Amino acid sequence: MDIGKLRHKVIIKSVNGTDDGQGGETEGTPTTVATIWGNVKPMQGKRALEYGQIIGHKPYTITMNYRNDITIDNTSLFVYASRTFETHSVITIEEDFKQLEIICYEKK
């Protein structure tokens, strides 16, 4: 991907659950892990339909450069333009560990 396409400032947040004392967890307060430059765009066509069936919301992709100093998993949140996105899956583009594609959907 052309580095110029990574023009959206995105905040990555982590949410750590806390024990509720009854065998479950309550969602903790999100804490900022990093601020990155990425490309945020809605998915289109067949690919959106595939992910839409899984998560029930319109999916987005966030493309970013790979960073080994942070961990991104299905509990990670991404904040862009005052909108919060929940992670569905993380894909390493071309398995070369240069860029990641995060499939996510807007948190309501």
Protein backbone atom coordinates (compact mmCIF):
# COMPACT_ATOMS: atom_id res chain seq x y z
CA MET A 1 0.00 0.00 0.00
CA ASP A 2 1.15 3.51 -0.79
CA ILE A 3 2.22 5.21 2.46
CA GLY A 4 0.17 8.26 1.43
CA LYS A 5 -3.03 6.27 1.88
CA LEU A 6 -2.34 5.94 5.62
CA ARG A 7 -3.78 9.39 6.28
CA HIS A 8 -6.33 8.77 9.06
CA LYS A 9 -5.23 9.32 12.65
CA VAL A 10 -6.50 6.35 14.66
CA ILE A 11 -6.27 5.71 18.40
CA ILE A 12 -5.90 2.08 19.51
CA LYS A 13 -7.40 1.25 22.91
CA SER A 14 -7.27 -1.85 25.06
CA VAL A 15 -10.02 -3.00 27.42
CA ASN A 16 -9.12 -5.18 30.36
CA GLY A 17 -11.98 -7.01 32.06
CA THR A 18 -12.28 -7.14 35.83
CA ASP A 19 -13.56 -10.05 37.90
CA ASP A 20 -17.19 -9.49 38.95
CA GLY A 21 -16.95 -11.90 41.90
CA GLN A 22 -19.49 -14.30 40.43
CA GLY A 23 -17.33 -16.14 37.93
CA GLY A 24 -17.66 -13.59 35.13
CA GLU A 25 -16.06 -10.37 34.01
CA THR A 26 -17.21 -6.80 33.67
CA GLU A 27 -15.83 -4.60 30.92
CA GLY A 28 -13.12 -2.30 32.19
CA THR A 29 -12.26 1.22 31.14
CA PRO A 30 -10.53 1.49 27.75
CA THR A 31 -6.94 2.73 27.94
CA THR A 32 -5.00 4.21 25.03
CA VAL A 33 -2.28 1.89 23.71
CA ALA A 34 -1.06 3.86 20.68
CA THR A 35 -1.94 6.47 18.08
CA ILE A 36 -1.25 5.37 14.52
CA TRP A 37 -1.78 6.49 10.93
CA GLY A 38 -4.05 4.16 9.01
CA ASN A 39 -6.58 3.86 6.22
CA VAL A 40 -10.17 3.54 7.45
CA LYS A 41 -12.80 2.56 4.90
CA PRO A 42 -16.09 0.66 4.74
CA MET A 43 -15.99 -2.77 3.13
CA GLN A 44 -17.85 -3.13 -0.12
CA GLY A 45 -19.41 -5.84 -2.22
CA LYS A 46 -19.15 -9.55 -1.54
CA ARG A 47 -16.56 -9.18 1.20
CA ALA A 48 -18.82 -6.87 3.21
CA LEU A 49 -21.68 -9.33 2.81
CA GLU A 50 -19.54 -12.17 4.15
CA TYR A 51 -18.49 -10.23 7.24
CA GLY A 52 -21.92 -8.60 7.61
CA GLN A 53 -23.49 -12.01 8.01
CA ILE A 54 -21.09 -12.77 10.85
CA ILE A 55 -21.32 -9.56 12.84
CA GLY A 56 -24.66 -8.07 11.81
CA HIS A 57 -23.23 -4.58 11.20
CA LYS A 58 -21.56 -2.89 8.27
CA PRO A 59 -17.89 -3.88 8.45
CA TYR A 60 -14.92 -1.57 7.97
CA THR A 61 -11.27 -2.23 7.31
CA ILE A 62 -8.44 -0.38 8.99
CA THR A 63 -5.08 -0.85 7.30
CA MET A 64 -1.99 0.07 9.30
CA ASN A 65 1.73 -0.55 9.33
CA TYR A 66 2.76 -3.53 11.47
CA ARG A 67 4.08 -2.69 14.93
CA ASN A 68 5.68 -5.26 17.20
CA ASP A 69 5.39 -3.06 20.29
CA ILE A 70 1.60 -3.39 20.57
CA THR A 71 -0.81 -6.31 20.63
CA ILE A 72 -4.03 -6.12 18.65
CA ASP A 73 -6.68 -8.75 19.31
CA ASN A 74 -10.47 -9.07 19.37
CA THR A 75 -10.69 -6.91 22.51
CA SER A 76 -8.92 -3.95 20.87
CA LEU A 77 -10.89 -0.81 20.08
CA PHE A 78 -10.07 1.73 17.37
CA VAL A 79 -11.21 5.36 17.62
CA TYR A 80 -11.39 7.44 14.46
CA ALA A 81 -13.23 10.75 14.01
CA SER A 82 -15.03 10.31 17.36
CA ARG A 83 -16.35 6.90 16.25
CA THR A 84 -15.35 3.70 18.04
CA PHE A 85 -14.80 0.42 16.17
CA GLU A 86 -14.68 -3.06 17.71
CA THR A 87 -12.27 -5.62 16.29
CA HIS A 88 -13.61 -8.66 14.47
CA SER A 89 -10.34 -10.05 13.12
CA VAL A 90 -6.74 -9.11 12.35
CA ILE A 91 -5.08 -10.17 9.10
CA THR A 92 -1.39 -9.88 8.21
CA ILE A 93 -1.25 -8.64 4.62
CA GLU A 94 0.84 -10.98 2.46
CA GLU A 95 2.35 -12.63 5.58
CA ASP A 96 5.37 -10.31 5.41
CA PHE A 97 4.62 -8.49 8.69
CA LYS A 98 4.73 -5.07 7.08
CA GLN A 99 1.04 -4.18 7.25
CA LEU A 100 -2.08 -5.35 9.07
CA GLU A 101 -5.68 -5.24 8.00
CA ILE A 102 -8.17 -5.06 10.85
CA ILE A 103 -11.75 -6.07 10.12
CA CYS A 104 -13.98 -4.14 12.51
CA TYR A 105 -17.44 -2.66 12.96
CA GLU A 106 -18.74 0.50 14.56
CA LYS A 107 -19.63 0.13 18.22
CA LYS A 108 -23.14 1.30 19.07
